Every structure is written in C-alpha cells, then in structure tokens.
Amino acid sequence: MPKVAVYNVSGQQVSEMELSENIFAVEVNQFAIYEVVKNHLANRRQGTQSAKTRSEVRGGGRKPWRQKGTGRARAGTIRSPLWVGGGTVFAPKPRDYRYTVPKKVRRLAMKSALTSKVNSQDIIVLDELAFDAPKTKQMVSVLNNLKVDKKVLIVIADNNEAIVKSASNIPGVQTASVNTLNVYDIVNYDKFIITKDAVQKVEEVYA
C-alpha cells in the first residue's frame, strides 16, 4: 500500500497514512483518462452556435440578371454563399454534444488520475481543514505553509461554504467535494490537496 505524509495547516508533518492500493496504486490507463476528459469537455459545450444557410438569409428571391447574354457568370440569387452578404455553406446549427462513457471506464479513469498524483508526489493530505468564517488571507497562509505555488485543487469531504469562499478569490485555486470530484479537475491542476476524511470517503465510494 502506498504511504503518504499527513500535514497540518501549519505545514508540519503529523503522521503517515496508508492509501488503498485499489484506488491510489493502480496501473495508470492514459486512454481512459483521455476519453473521460474529452467527454467532460464535450458535455460542457453549450452548442448554441448558429449561422444562416442561403435559404434562411433575408432577400435574394429575384434572379439578379438574365441567364445568358450579359457576359457575366450565371447567378440565381444574391444570397449565394459566393456573394458578400450571402448564406454560409454547411452552416452550424444548435446541437447537443453530450454523450456518455461507460461506468467502468469512468471509474478506471478516476483511479488512474488519483494514482498519477501519488506517483508524481503531487498529492498533499491534510489532517483537517476548517475555517470559522470565509477568510482568503487564512487560505493563502495555509497554501504558503504547504509551499504550494502552483495551480491547486483542494478536495474536502463535504461542501463547506467557509472553505469554498476562502479559496474562490485566489487565482489558480479550485475547491471540490468528494461527490463533485472529476477527472478533468484532477489532471488540470498541478497539486492535489485532500483532507484525511475526504480520502476515506473517496476510498468508500471507489472501493
């Protein structure tokens, strides 16, 4: 079983913790991570892009000039895609980009992403993270104590408004609870800070 150090908010190591090898020590499957990240980004697309085809552009009902005898190229409408102010060829229309990935692939990708953070030593386990009230300065102090100066994802067991608001104004810092954790956020952020009780909850969910 992989072992990681457990730190307090002052940046001092207080103990060690064994992580489940079924979640944090699996064989990393890069293709599964790629598929789930691609799916996540596709599902986020609004799909509201829209342009008009030649039949939808206003005007152009009359033939601009007769077919033969003028010396000019034949033309049937001034709204042809060849003309300025004309329609768009194969115009994009509103559509839904959502699709689903098999559950087994999603679970494998999550385990692979978590394992990759352990392998690269980018995971930091906190014994506890709790604020009485939202304080950005307090969160900055915690990150400085942990010597974190990169993009960081902070994972907590349950949604805690004080922690979320304390981190919301810090550039490059994102918070997530265990039930909103996703593969894209894990691989997108350089450092992965997770509380001890959040680790236990992750092991319960993905065991």
N, C-alpha and C. Protein backbone atom coordinates (compact mmCIF):
# COMPACT_ATOMS: atom_id res chain seq x y z
N MET A 1 0.83 -1.20 0.00
CA MET A 1 0.00 0.00 0.00
C MET A 1 0.87 1.26 0.00
N PRO A 2 0.52 2.25 -0.84
CA PRO A 2 1.32 3.49 -0.83
C PRO A 2 1.10 4.27 0.45
N LYS A 3 2.17 4.87 0.93
CA LYS A 3 2.09 5.68 2.15
C LYS A 3 2.36 7.14 1.80
N VAL A 4 1.60 8.03 2.41
CA VAL A 4 1.83 9.46 2.21
C VAL A 4 1.87 10.15 3.57
N ALA A 5 2.58 11.27 3.60
CA ALA A 5 2.66 12.05 4.83
C ALA A 5 1.37 12.83 5.02
N VAL A 6 0.99 13.01 6.28
CA VAL A 6 -0.19 13.81 6.62
C VAL A 6 0.30 15.09 7.31
N TYR A 7 -0.15 16.24 6.78
CA TYR A 7 0.30 17.53 7.30
C TYR A 7 -0.85 18.26 8.00
N ASN A 8 -0.48 19.19 8.87
CA ASN A 8 -1.49 20.08 9.44
C ASN A 8 -1.47 21.40 8.66
N VAL A 9 -2.34 22.33 9.02
CA VAL A 9 -2.43 23.59 8.26
C VAL A 9 -1.20 24.47 8.44
N SER A 10 -0.34 24.12 9.40
CA SER A 10 0.90 24.88 9.59
C SER A 10 2.03 24.35 8.71
N GLY A 11 1.75 23.27 7.97
CA GLY A 11 2.76 22.71 7.07
C GLY A 11 3.66 21.70 7.73
N GLN A 12 3.33 21.28 8.96
CA GLN A 12 4.16 20.31 9.67
C GLN A 12 3.59 18.91 9.50
N GLN A 13 4.49 17.93 9.31
CA GLN A 13 4.04 16.54 9.19
C GLN A 13 3.64 16.02 10.56
N VAL A 14 2.43 15.48 10.65
CA VAL A 14 1.94 14.99 11.94
C VAL A 14 1.83 13.47 11.99
N SER A 15 1.73 12.84 10.83
CA SER A 15 1.63 11.38 10.80
C SER A 15 1.80 10.89 9.37
N GLU A 16 1.59 9.60 9.20
CA GLU A 16 1.58 8.98 7.87
C GLU A 16 0.26 8.26 7.66
N MET A 17 -0.11 8.10 6.40
CA MET A 17 -1.39 7.45 6.09
C MET A 17 -1.21 6.47 4.95
N GLU A 18 -1.79 5.28 5.13
CA GLU A 18 -1.77 4.29 4.06
C GLU A 18 -2.97 4.50 3.15
N LEU A 19 -2.71 4.54 1.85
CA LEU A 19 -3.77 4.71 0.87
C LEU A 19 -4.15 3.37 0.27
N SER A 20 -5.38 3.23 -0.13
CA SER A 20 -5.85 1.97 -0.72
C SER A 20 -5.15 1.73 -2.06
N GLU A 21 -4.54 0.56 -2.18
CA GLU A 21 -3.84 0.27 -3.44
C GLU A 21 -4.80 0.01 -4.59
N ASN A 22 -6.07 -0.25 -4.30
CA ASN A 22 -7.06 -0.45 -5.35
C ASN A 22 -7.51 0.86 -5.99
N ILE A 23 -7.14 1.98 -5.36
CA ILE A 23 -7.55 3.29 -5.88
C ILE A 23 -6.34 4.17 -6.18
N PHE A 24 -5.36 4.17 -5.29
CA PHE A 24 -4.22 5.07 -5.42
C PHE A 24 -2.95 4.37 -5.91
N ALA A 25 -3.06 3.09 -6.30
CA ALA A 25 -1.86 2.38 -6.78
C ALA A 25 -2.22 1.41 -7.90
N VAL A 26 -3.11 1.86 -8.80
CA VAL A 26 -3.48 1.01 -9.93
C VAL A 26 -2.55 1.32 -11.11
N GLU A 27 -2.64 0.51 -12.15
CA GLU A 27 -1.89 0.80 -13.37
C GLU A 27 -2.57 1.96 -14.09
N VAL A 28 -1.82 3.03 -14.34
CA VAL A 28 -2.40 4.24 -14.94
C VAL A 28 -2.78 3.96 -16.39
N ASN A 29 -4.05 4.19 -16.70
CA ASN A 29 -4.56 4.00 -18.06
C ASN A 29 -4.78 5.37 -18.69
N GLN A 30 -3.82 5.80 -19.51
CA GLN A 30 -3.88 7.14 -20.10
C GLN A 30 -5.06 7.27 -21.07
N PHE A 31 -5.40 6.19 -21.77
CA PHE A 31 -6.50 6.26 -22.73
C PHE A 31 -7.83 6.50 -22.02
N ALA A 32 -8.03 5.86 -20.87
CA ALA A 32 -9.26 6.06 -20.09
C ALA A 32 -9.36 7.50 -19.62
N ILE A 33 -8.22 8.06 -19.15
CA ILE A 33 -8.21 9.47 -18.72
C ILE A 33 -8.56 10.37 -19.89
N TYR A 34 -7.96 10.11 -21.05
CA TYR A 34 -8.23 10.91 -22.25
C TYR A 34 -9.71 10.86 -22.63
N GLU A 35 -10.29 9.67 -22.61
CA GLU A 35 -11.70 9.52 -23.01
C GLU A 35 -12.63 10.28 -22.06
N VAL A 36 -12.35 10.20 -20.77
CA VAL A 36 -13.23 10.85 -19.78
C VAL A 36 -13.06 12.37 -19.82
N VAL A 37 -11.83 12.85 -20.01
CA VAL A 37 -11.61 14.30 -20.12
C VAL A 37 -12.29 14.84 -21.39
N LYS A 38 -12.16 14.11 -22.48
CA LYS A 38 -12.81 14.53 -23.74
C LYS A 38 -14.33 14.58 -23.56
N ASN A 39 -14.87 13.58 -22.86
CA ASN A 39 -16.31 13.54 -22.59
C ASN A 39 -16.74 14.71 -21.71
N HIS A 40 -15.93 15.01 -20.71
CA HIS A 40 -16.24 16.11 -19.79
C HIS A 40 -16.30 17.44 -20.53
N LEU A 41 -15.33 17.68 -21.41
CA LEU A 41 -15.29 18.93 -22.16
C LEU A 41 -16.43 19.01 -23.17
N ALA A 42 -16.77 17.87 -23.78
CA ALA A 42 -17.88 17.85 -24.74
C ALA A 42 -19.20 18.14 -24.04
N ASN A 43 -19.39 17.57 -22.86
CA ASN A 43 -20.63 17.77 -22.12
C ASN A 43 -20.78 19.20 -21.61
N ARG A 44 -19.65 19.91 -21.50
CA ARG A 44 -19.70 21.31 -21.05
C ARG A 44 -20.07 22.27 -22.18
N ARG A 45 -19.99 21.82 -23.41
CA ARG A 45 -20.26 22.72 -24.54
C ARG A 45 -21.72 23.14 -24.56
N GLN A 46 -21.95 24.42 -24.82
CA GLN A 46 -23.33 24.92 -24.86
C GLN A 46 -24.02 24.50 -26.15
N GLY A 47 -23.28 24.44 -27.24
CA GLY A 47 -23.87 24.03 -28.51
C GLY A 47 -24.87 25.03 -29.05
N THR A 48 -24.67 26.32 -28.76
CA THR A 48 -25.64 27.34 -29.19
C THR A 48 -25.21 28.06 -30.47
N GLN A 49 -24.11 27.61 -31.10
CA GLN A 49 -23.65 28.29 -32.30
C GLN A 49 -24.67 28.14 -33.43
N SER A 50 -24.84 29.20 -34.21
CA SER A 50 -25.84 29.15 -35.27
C SER A 50 -25.50 30.15 -36.36
N ALA A 51 -25.66 29.76 -37.61
CA ALA A 51 -25.48 30.65 -38.77
C ALA A 51 -26.55 30.31 -39.79
N LYS A 52 -26.77 31.21 -40.73
CA LYS A 52 -27.85 31.02 -41.70
C LYS A 52 -27.34 30.43 -43.01
N THR A 53 -28.11 29.51 -43.55
CA THR A 53 -27.82 28.98 -44.88
C THR A 53 -28.39 29.94 -45.92
N ARG A 54 -28.18 29.67 -47.21
CA ARG A 54 -28.64 30.57 -48.27
C ARG A 54 -30.16 30.69 -48.29
N SER A 55 -30.84 29.67 -47.83
CA SER A 55 -32.31 29.71 -47.83
C SER A 55 -32.87 30.52 -46.67
N GLU A 56 -32.03 30.79 -45.66
CA GLU A 56 -32.51 31.50 -44.47
C GLU A 56 -32.15 32.98 -44.46
N VAL A 57 -31.21 33.39 -45.31
CA VAL A 57 -30.81 34.80 -45.35
C VAL A 57 -31.91 35.61 -46.01
N ARG A 58 -32.20 36.77 -45.43
CA ARG A 58 -33.28 37.62 -45.94
C ARG A 58 -32.92 38.13 -47.34
N GLY A 59 -33.90 38.11 -48.25
CA GLY A 59 -33.71 38.64 -49.60
C GLY A 59 -33.23 37.57 -50.57
N GLY A 60 -32.88 38.02 -51.76
CA GLY A 60 -32.33 37.11 -52.77
C GLY A 60 -33.37 36.31 -53.52
N GLY A 61 -34.63 36.75 -53.48
CA GLY A 61 -35.68 35.99 -54.15
C GLY A 61 -35.69 36.15 -55.66
N ARG A 62 -35.17 37.29 -56.15
CA ARG A 62 -35.20 37.56 -57.59
C ARG A 62 -33.86 37.22 -58.22
N LYS A 63 -33.89 36.67 -59.41
CA LYS A 63 -32.65 36.40 -60.16
C LYS A 63 -32.01 37.75 -60.51
N PRO A 64 -30.73 37.97 -60.14
CA PRO A 64 -30.13 39.30 -60.31
C PRO A 64 -30.02 39.77 -61.76
N TRP A 65 -29.76 38.88 -62.67
CA TRP A 65 -29.76 39.20 -64.11
C TRP A 65 -30.09 37.96 -64.91
N ARG A 66 -30.39 38.17 -66.18
CA ARG A 66 -30.80 37.04 -67.01
C ARG A 66 -29.67 36.03 -67.16
N GLN A 67 -30.04 34.82 -67.54
CA GLN A 67 -29.09 33.71 -67.57
C GLN A 67 -27.99 33.93 -68.60
N LYS A 68 -28.35 34.37 -69.80
CA LYS A 68 -27.37 34.45 -70.89
C LYS A 68 -27.30 35.86 -71.47
N GLY A 69 -26.20 36.15 -72.13
CA GLY A 69 -26.09 37.35 -72.92
C GLY A 69 -25.46 38.54 -72.22
N THR A 70 -25.20 38.46 -70.93
CA THR A 70 -24.64 39.62 -70.23
C THR A 70 -23.12 39.56 -70.16
N GLY A 71 -22.54 38.41 -70.38
CA GLY A 71 -21.09 38.26 -70.25
C GLY A 71 -20.65 37.94 -68.83
N ARG A 72 -21.57 38.04 -67.91
CA ARG A 72 -21.24 37.74 -66.51
C ARG A 72 -21.58 36.29 -66.19
N ALA A 73 -21.01 35.82 -65.06
CA ALA A 73 -21.31 34.45 -64.63
C ALA A 73 -22.78 34.34 -64.28
N ARG A 74 -23.37 33.17 -64.55
CA ARG A 74 -24.77 32.97 -64.23
C ARG A 74 -24.98 33.02 -62.71
N ALA A 75 -26.08 33.64 -62.32
CA ALA A 75 -26.38 33.77 -60.90
C ALA A 75 -27.88 33.65 -60.69
N GLY A 76 -28.27 32.95 -59.62
CA GLY A 76 -29.69 32.74 -59.36
C GLY A 76 -30.18 33.55 -58.18
N THR A 77 -29.27 33.94 -57.28
CA THR A 77 -29.67 34.69 -56.09
C THR A 77 -28.47 35.48 -55.56
N ILE A 78 -28.75 36.63 -55.00
CA ILE A 78 -27.65 37.42 -54.42
C ILE A 78 -27.27 36.91 -53.04
N ARG A 79 -27.98 35.90 -52.53
CA ARG A 79 -27.68 35.32 -51.22
C ARG A 79 -26.90 34.00 -51.34
N SER A 80 -26.30 33.78 -52.49
CA SER A 80 -25.43 32.61 -52.67
C SER A 80 -24.23 32.72 -51.72
N PRO A 81 -23.71 31.62 -51.22
CA PRO A 81 -22.53 31.68 -50.35
C PRO A 81 -21.32 32.34 -51.01
N LEU A 82 -21.33 32.44 -52.36
CA LEU A 82 -20.21 33.07 -53.07
C LEU A 82 -20.27 34.59 -52.97
N TRP A 83 -21.41 35.12 -52.59
CA TRP A 83 -21.61 36.56 -52.57
C TRP A 83 -21.42 37.12 -51.16
N VAL A 84 -20.95 38.38 -51.09
CA VAL A 84 -20.90 39.08 -49.81
C VAL A 84 -22.34 39.28 -49.32
N GLY A 85 -22.60 38.92 -48.07
CA GLY A 85 -23.96 39.01 -47.55
C GLY A 85 -24.77 37.76 -47.82
N GLY A 86 -24.13 36.77 -48.42
CA GLY A 86 -24.82 35.52 -48.71
C GLY A 86 -24.84 34.60 -47.51
N GLY A 87 -25.42 33.41 -47.71
CA GLY A 87 -25.51 32.43 -46.64
C GLY A 87 -24.18 31.73 -46.38
N THR A 88 -24.18 30.83 -45.41
CA THR A 88 -22.98 30.05 -45.06
C THR A 88 -23.16 28.62 -45.52
N VAL A 89 -22.12 28.09 -46.15
CA VAL A 89 -22.16 26.69 -46.58
C VAL A 89 -22.07 25.80 -45.35
N PHE A 90 -22.95 24.79 -45.26
CA PHE A 90 -22.97 23.87 -44.12
C PHE A 90 -22.99 24.66 -42.79
N ALA A 91 -23.91 25.61 -42.70
CA ALA A 91 -23.97 26.49 -41.53
C ALA A 91 -24.14 25.69 -40.24
N PRO A 92 -23.37 26.02 -39.18
CA PRO A 92 -23.54 25.32 -37.90
C PRO A 92 -24.89 25.65 -37.29
N LYS A 93 -25.50 24.67 -36.67
CA LYS A 93 -26.81 24.84 -36.04
C LYS A 93 -26.74 24.38 -34.59
N PRO A 94 -27.62 24.88 -33.72
CA PRO A 94 -27.62 24.42 -32.32
C PRO A 94 -27.74 22.90 -32.24
N ARG A 95 -26.89 22.31 -31.39
CA ARG A 95 -26.91 20.85 -31.24
C ARG A 95 -26.40 20.48 -29.85
N ASP A 96 -26.68 19.28 -29.46
CA ASP A 96 -26.27 18.77 -28.16
C ASP A 96 -25.04 17.88 -28.35
N TYR A 97 -23.95 18.24 -27.68
CA TYR A 97 -22.69 17.49 -27.82
C TYR A 97 -22.55 16.39 -26.77
N ARG A 98 -23.53 16.26 -25.89
CA ARG A 98 -23.41 15.31 -24.79
C ARG A 98 -23.41 13.86 -25.28
N TYR A 99 -22.58 13.06 -24.61
CA TYR A 99 -22.60 11.61 -24.82
C TYR A 99 -22.10 10.96 -23.54
N THR A 100 -22.30 9.69 -23.41
CA THR A 100 -21.94 9.00 -22.16
C THR A 100 -20.75 8.07 -22.38
N VAL A 101 -19.98 7.91 -21.32
CA VAL A 101 -18.84 6.99 -21.30
C VAL A 101 -19.21 5.87 -20.35
N PRO A 102 -18.86 4.62 -20.66
CA PRO A 102 -19.20 3.51 -19.77
C PRO A 102 -18.71 3.73 -18.33
N LYS A 103 -19.50 3.27 -17.38
CA LYS A 103 -19.20 3.48 -15.96
C LYS A 103 -17.84 2.91 -15.58
N LYS A 104 -17.50 1.74 -16.13
CA LYS A 104 -16.22 1.11 -15.79
C LYS A 104 -15.05 1.96 -16.27
N VAL A 105 -15.22 2.61 -17.44
CA VAL A 105 -14.16 3.47 -17.96
C VAL A 105 -14.02 4.71 -17.08
N ARG A 106 -15.14 5.27 -16.62
CA ARG A 106 -15.10 6.45 -15.75
C ARG A 106 -14.40 6.12 -14.43
N ARG A 107 -14.70 4.97 -13.86
CA ARG A 107 -14.07 4.57 -12.59
C ARG A 107 -12.58 4.32 -12.78
N LEU A 108 -12.23 3.68 -13.90
CA LEU A 108 -10.81 3.42 -14.19
C LEU A 108 -10.05 4.73 -14.37
N ALA A 109 -10.67 5.68 -15.05
CA ALA A 109 -10.03 6.98 -15.28
C ALA A 109 -9.82 7.71 -13.96
N MET A 110 -10.81 7.66 -13.07
CA MET A 110 -10.68 8.33 -11.76
C MET A 110 -9.54 7.71 -10.96
N LYS A 111 -9.49 6.38 -10.91
CA LYS A 111 -8.42 5.71 -10.17
C LYS A 111 -7.05 6.00 -10.80
N SER A 112 -7.00 6.04 -12.14
CA SER A 112 -5.74 6.33 -12.83
C SER A 112 -5.27 7.75 -12.54
N ALA A 113 -6.21 8.70 -12.53
CA ALA A 113 -5.85 10.09 -12.25
C ALA A 113 -5.34 10.25 -10.82
N LEU A 114 -6.00 9.60 -9.87
CA LEU A 114 -5.56 9.67 -8.47
C LEU A 114 -4.19 9.01 -8.29
N THR A 115 -4.00 7.88 -8.96
CA THR A 115 -2.71 7.18 -8.89
C THR A 115 -1.59 8.04 -9.46
N SER A 116 -1.88 8.74 -10.56
CA SER A 116 -0.86 9.58 -11.21
C SER A 116 -0.40 10.70 -10.27
N LYS A 117 -1.31 11.22 -9.45
CA LYS A 117 -0.93 12.26 -8.49
C LYS A 117 -0.03 11.69 -7.40
N VAL A 118 -0.32 10.45 -6.98
CA VAL A 118 0.53 9.80 -5.97
C VAL A 118 1.91 9.51 -6.57
N ASN A 119 1.93 9.00 -7.80
CA ASN A 119 3.20 8.65 -8.46
C ASN A 119 4.09 9.87 -8.67
N SER A 120 3.48 11.01 -8.99
CA SER A 120 4.27 12.23 -9.23
C SER A 120 4.50 13.03 -7.95
N GLN A 121 4.04 12.49 -6.82
CA GLN A 121 4.20 13.13 -5.50
C GLN A 121 3.59 14.53 -5.47
N ASP A 122 2.46 14.68 -6.14
CA ASP A 122 1.75 15.95 -6.17
C ASP A 122 0.52 15.94 -5.26
N ILE A 123 0.40 14.92 -4.43
CA ILE A 123 -0.74 14.83 -3.51
C ILE A 123 -0.29 15.26 -2.11
N ILE A 124 -1.11 16.09 -1.47
CA ILE A 124 -0.84 16.53 -0.10
C ILE A 124 -2.08 16.20 0.73
N VAL A 125 -1.89 15.41 1.79
CA VAL A 125 -3.01 15.05 2.66
C VAL A 125 -2.96 15.91 3.91
N LEU A 126 -4.10 16.56 4.21
CA LEU A 126 -4.22 17.39 5.41
C LEU A 126 -5.00 16.63 6.48
N ASP A 127 -4.56 16.75 7.72
CA ASP A 127 -5.30 16.08 8.80
C ASP A 127 -6.67 16.73 9.00
N GLU A 128 -6.73 18.06 8.77
CA GLU A 128 -8.00 18.76 8.94
C GLU A 128 -7.92 20.12 8.27
N LEU A 129 -9.03 20.56 7.70
CA LEU A 129 -9.11 21.90 7.12
C LEU A 129 -10.48 22.47 7.47
N ALA A 130 -10.49 23.44 8.39
CA ALA A 130 -11.76 24.01 8.84
C ALA A 130 -11.56 25.47 9.20
N PHE A 131 -12.44 26.32 8.67
CA PHE A 131 -12.42 27.76 8.97
C PHE A 131 -13.73 28.13 9.66
N ASP A 132 -13.63 29.07 10.62
CA ASP A 132 -14.83 29.54 11.30
C ASP A 132 -15.68 30.42 10.38
N ALA A 133 -14.99 31.17 9.52
CA ALA A 133 -15.67 32.07 8.58
C ALA A 133 -14.81 32.19 7.33
N PRO A 134 -15.38 32.62 6.20
CA PRO A 134 -14.58 32.79 4.98
C PRO A 134 -13.46 33.80 5.17
N LYS A 135 -12.23 33.35 5.00
CA LYS A 135 -11.08 34.23 5.14
C LYS A 135 -10.05 33.88 4.07
N THR A 136 -9.95 34.72 3.04
CA THR A 136 -8.99 34.47 1.96
C THR A 136 -7.57 34.46 2.49
N LYS A 137 -7.27 35.41 3.40
CA LYS A 137 -5.91 35.51 3.97
C LYS A 137 -5.53 34.21 4.69
N GLN A 138 -6.49 33.59 5.35
CA GLN A 138 -6.23 32.35 6.08
C GLN A 138 -5.91 31.21 5.11
N MET A 139 -6.63 31.16 4.00
CA MET A 139 -6.37 30.12 2.99
C MET A 139 -5.01 30.34 2.34
N VAL A 140 -4.67 31.59 2.05
CA VAL A 140 -3.35 31.90 1.48
C VAL A 140 -2.24 31.46 2.43
N SER A 141 -2.46 31.69 3.71
CA SER A 141 -1.48 31.28 4.72
C SER A 141 -1.28 29.77 4.73
N VAL A 142 -2.38 29.01 4.63
CA VAL A 142 -2.30 27.54 4.60
C VAL A 142 -1.50 27.09 3.38
N LEU A 143 -1.78 27.67 2.22
CA LEU A 143 -1.07 27.29 0.99
C LEU A 143 0.41 27.64 1.07
N ASN A 144 0.72 28.78 1.68
CA ASN A 144 2.13 29.16 1.86
C ASN A 144 2.84 28.20 2.81
N ASN A 145 2.14 27.79 3.86
CA ASN A 145 2.74 26.84 4.82
C ASN A 145 3.03 25.50 4.16
N LEU A 146 2.18 25.11 3.19
CA LEU A 146 2.37 23.84 2.47
C LEU A 146 3.30 23.99 1.28
N LYS A 147 3.81 25.23 1.08
CA LYS A 147 4.73 25.54 -0.03
C LYS A 147 4.11 25.21 -1.39
N VAL A 148 2.87 25.59 -1.55
CA VAL A 148 2.15 25.38 -2.81
C VAL A 148 2.13 26.70 -3.58
N ASP A 149 2.79 26.72 -4.74
CA ASP A 149 2.81 27.94 -5.55
C ASP A 149 2.35 27.67 -6.99
N LYS A 150 1.64 26.55 -7.16
CA LYS A 150 1.14 26.19 -8.50
C LYS A 150 -0.38 26.10 -8.45
N LYS A 151 -0.97 25.75 -9.59
CA LYS A 151 -2.42 25.53 -9.62
C LYS A 151 -2.76 24.36 -8.71
N VAL A 152 -3.75 24.56 -7.85
CA VAL A 152 -4.02 23.53 -6.84
C VAL A 152 -5.53 23.26 -6.74
N LEU A 153 -5.84 21.97 -6.58
CA LEU A 153 -7.21 21.54 -6.35
C LEU A 153 -7.32 21.09 -4.90
N ILE A 154 -8.26 21.69 -4.17
CA ILE A 154 -8.46 21.34 -2.76
C ILE A 154 -9.74 20.51 -2.65
N VAL A 155 -9.60 19.28 -2.16
CA VAL A 155 -10.74 18.37 -2.06
C VAL A 155 -11.12 18.18 -0.60
N ILE A 156 -12.39 18.43 -0.31
CA ILE A 156 -12.91 18.27 1.05
C ILE A 156 -14.02 17.22 1.03
N ALA A 157 -14.33 16.67 2.20
CA ALA A 157 -15.30 15.57 2.27
C ALA A 157 -16.70 16.03 1.87
N ASP A 158 -17.13 17.16 2.43
CA ASP A 158 -18.45 17.70 2.14
C ASP A 158 -18.32 19.17 1.80
N ASN A 159 -19.33 19.70 1.16
CA ASN A 159 -19.31 21.11 0.77
C ASN A 159 -19.27 22.00 2.01
N ASN A 160 -18.20 22.77 2.15
CA ASN A 160 -18.02 23.68 3.28
C ASN A 160 -17.93 25.10 2.73
N GLU A 161 -18.95 25.90 3.00
CA GLU A 161 -19.05 27.24 2.40
C GLU A 161 -17.88 28.13 2.80
N ALA A 162 -17.42 28.01 4.03
CA ALA A 162 -16.32 28.86 4.50
C ALA A 162 -15.04 28.57 3.72
N ILE A 163 -14.76 27.28 3.48
CA ILE A 163 -13.55 26.90 2.73
C ILE A 163 -13.69 27.30 1.27
N VAL A 164 -14.85 27.04 0.67
CA VAL A 164 -15.07 27.37 -0.74
C VAL A 164 -14.91 28.86 -0.99
N LYS A 165 -15.51 29.68 -0.12
CA LYS A 165 -15.43 31.14 -0.30
C LYS A 165 -14.02 31.66 0.00
N SER A 166 -13.31 31.01 0.91
CA SER A 166 -11.94 31.43 1.25
C SER A 166 -11.00 31.23 0.07
N ALA A 167 -11.29 30.24 -0.77
CA ALA A 167 -10.40 29.93 -1.90
C ALA A 167 -10.87 30.54 -3.22
N SER A 168 -12.10 31.04 -3.24
CA SER A 168 -12.69 31.45 -4.53
C SER A 168 -12.00 32.65 -5.17
N ASN A 169 -11.35 33.50 -4.37
CA ASN A 169 -10.70 34.70 -4.93
C ASN A 169 -9.21 34.51 -5.19
N ILE A 170 -8.70 33.32 -4.96
CA ILE A 170 -7.27 33.07 -5.17
C ILE A 170 -7.07 32.48 -6.57
N PRO A 171 -6.31 33.16 -7.43
CA PRO A 171 -6.09 32.64 -8.79
C PRO A 171 -5.42 31.26 -8.76
N GLY A 172 -5.92 30.36 -9.59
CA GLY A 172 -5.30 29.04 -9.71
C GLY A 172 -5.68 28.07 -8.62
N VAL A 173 -6.65 28.44 -7.76
CA VAL A 173 -7.08 27.55 -6.68
C VAL A 173 -8.54 27.18 -6.89
N GLN A 174 -8.83 25.90 -6.84
CA GLN A 174 -10.20 25.40 -7.03
C GLN A 174 -10.53 24.44 -5.90
N THR A 175 -11.77 24.49 -5.43
CA THR A 175 -12.21 23.55 -4.39
C THR A 175 -13.23 22.59 -4.97
N ALA A 176 -13.29 21.40 -4.39
CA ALA A 176 -14.27 20.39 -4.81
C ALA A 176 -14.55 19.49 -3.63
N SER A 177 -15.77 19.01 -3.55
CA SER A 177 -16.09 18.00 -2.54
C SER A 177 -15.99 16.63 -3.21
N VAL A 178 -16.01 15.58 -2.44
CA VAL A 178 -15.82 14.23 -2.99
C VAL A 178 -16.89 13.90 -4.03
N ASN A 179 -18.12 14.34 -3.79
CA ASN A 179 -19.20 14.00 -4.73
C ASN A 179 -19.19 14.85 -6.00
N THR A 180 -18.35 15.91 -6.06
CA THR A 180 -18.24 16.70 -7.29
C THR A 180 -16.87 16.53 -7.95
N LEU A 181 -16.05 15.67 -7.38
CA LEU A 181 -14.70 15.46 -7.91
C LEU A 181 -14.77 14.82 -9.30
N ASN A 182 -13.97 15.33 -10.23
CA ASN A 182 -13.94 14.75 -11.57
C ASN A 182 -12.51 14.64 -12.09
N VAL A 183 -12.35 13.81 -13.10
CA VAL A 183 -11.02 13.51 -13.65
C VAL A 183 -10.38 14.75 -14.26
N TYR A 184 -11.19 15.55 -14.95
CA TYR A 184 -10.65 16.75 -15.62
C TYR A 184 -9.96 17.67 -14.62
N ASP A 185 -10.62 17.93 -13.48
CA ASP A 185 -10.03 18.82 -12.48
C ASP A 185 -8.75 18.23 -11.89
N ILE A 186 -8.74 16.92 -11.69
CA ILE A 186 -7.56 16.28 -11.10
C ILE A 186 -6.34 16.46 -12.00
N VAL A 187 -6.51 16.21 -13.30
CA VAL A 187 -5.36 16.30 -14.21
C VAL A 187 -5.05 17.74 -14.60
N ASN A 188 -6.03 18.63 -14.46
CA ASN A 188 -5.85 20.03 -14.88
C ASN A 188 -5.04 20.83 -13.87
N TYR A 189 -5.07 20.41 -12.60
CA TYR A 189 -4.35 21.15 -11.56
C TYR A 189 -3.06 20.43 -11.19
N ASP A 190 -2.03 21.23 -10.92
CA ASP A 190 -0.69 20.66 -10.66
C ASP A 190 -0.62 19.95 -9.32
N LYS A 191 -1.20 20.56 -8.30
CA LYS A 191 -1.15 19.99 -6.95
C LYS A 191 -2.55 19.54 -6.53
N PHE A 192 -2.58 18.51 -5.70
CA PHE A 192 -3.83 17.90 -5.27
C PHE A 192 -3.83 17.83 -3.75
N ILE A 193 -4.55 18.75 -3.11
CA ILE A 193 -4.64 18.76 -1.64
C ILE A 193 -5.97 18.12 -1.24
N ILE A 194 -5.91 17.15 -0.35
CA ILE A 194 -7.12 16.44 0.07
C ILE A 194 -7.08 16.22 1.57
N THR A 195 -8.20 16.39 2.22
CA THR A 195 -8.25 16.17 3.66
C THR A 195 -8.33 14.67 3.97
N LYS A 196 -7.97 14.34 5.20
CA LYS A 196 -7.92 12.93 5.61
C LYS A 196 -9.30 12.27 5.50
N ASP A 197 -10.34 12.99 5.96
CA ASP A 197 -11.68 12.40 5.88
C ASP A 197 -12.18 12.31 4.45
N ALA A 198 -11.69 13.19 3.56
CA ALA A 198 -12.05 13.10 2.14
C ALA A 198 -11.42 11.87 1.50
N VAL A 199 -10.18 11.54 1.91
CA VAL A 199 -9.52 10.33 1.40
C VAL A 199 -10.35 9.10 1.77
N GLN A 200 -10.80 9.04 3.02
CA GLN A 200 -11.60 7.90 3.48
C GLN A 200 -12.92 7.81 2.71
N LYS A 201 -13.49 8.96 2.39
CA LYS A 201 -14.75 8.97 1.65
C LYS A 201 -14.53 8.52 0.21
N VAL A 202 -13.42 8.95 -0.40
CA VAL A 202 -13.07 8.51 -1.76
C VAL A 202 -12.89 7.00 -1.79
N GLU A 203 -12.22 6.45 -0.78
CA GLU A 203 -12.00 5.00 -0.71
C GLU A 203 -13.30 4.25 -0.53
N GLU A 204 -14.25 4.84 0.18
CA GLU A 204 -15.57 4.21 0.34
C GLU A 204 -16.32 4.19 -0.99
N VAL A 205 -16.25 5.30 -1.73
CA VAL A 205 -17.02 5.43 -2.98
C VAL A 205 -16.45 4.54 -4.07
N TYR A 206 -15.12 4.51 -4.20
CA TYR A 206 -14.50 3.81 -5.33
C TYR A 206 -13.90 2.45 -4.94
N ALA A 207 -14.14 1.99 -3.73
CA ALA A 207 -13.59 0.70 -3.32
C ALA A 207 -14.16 -0.42 -4.19
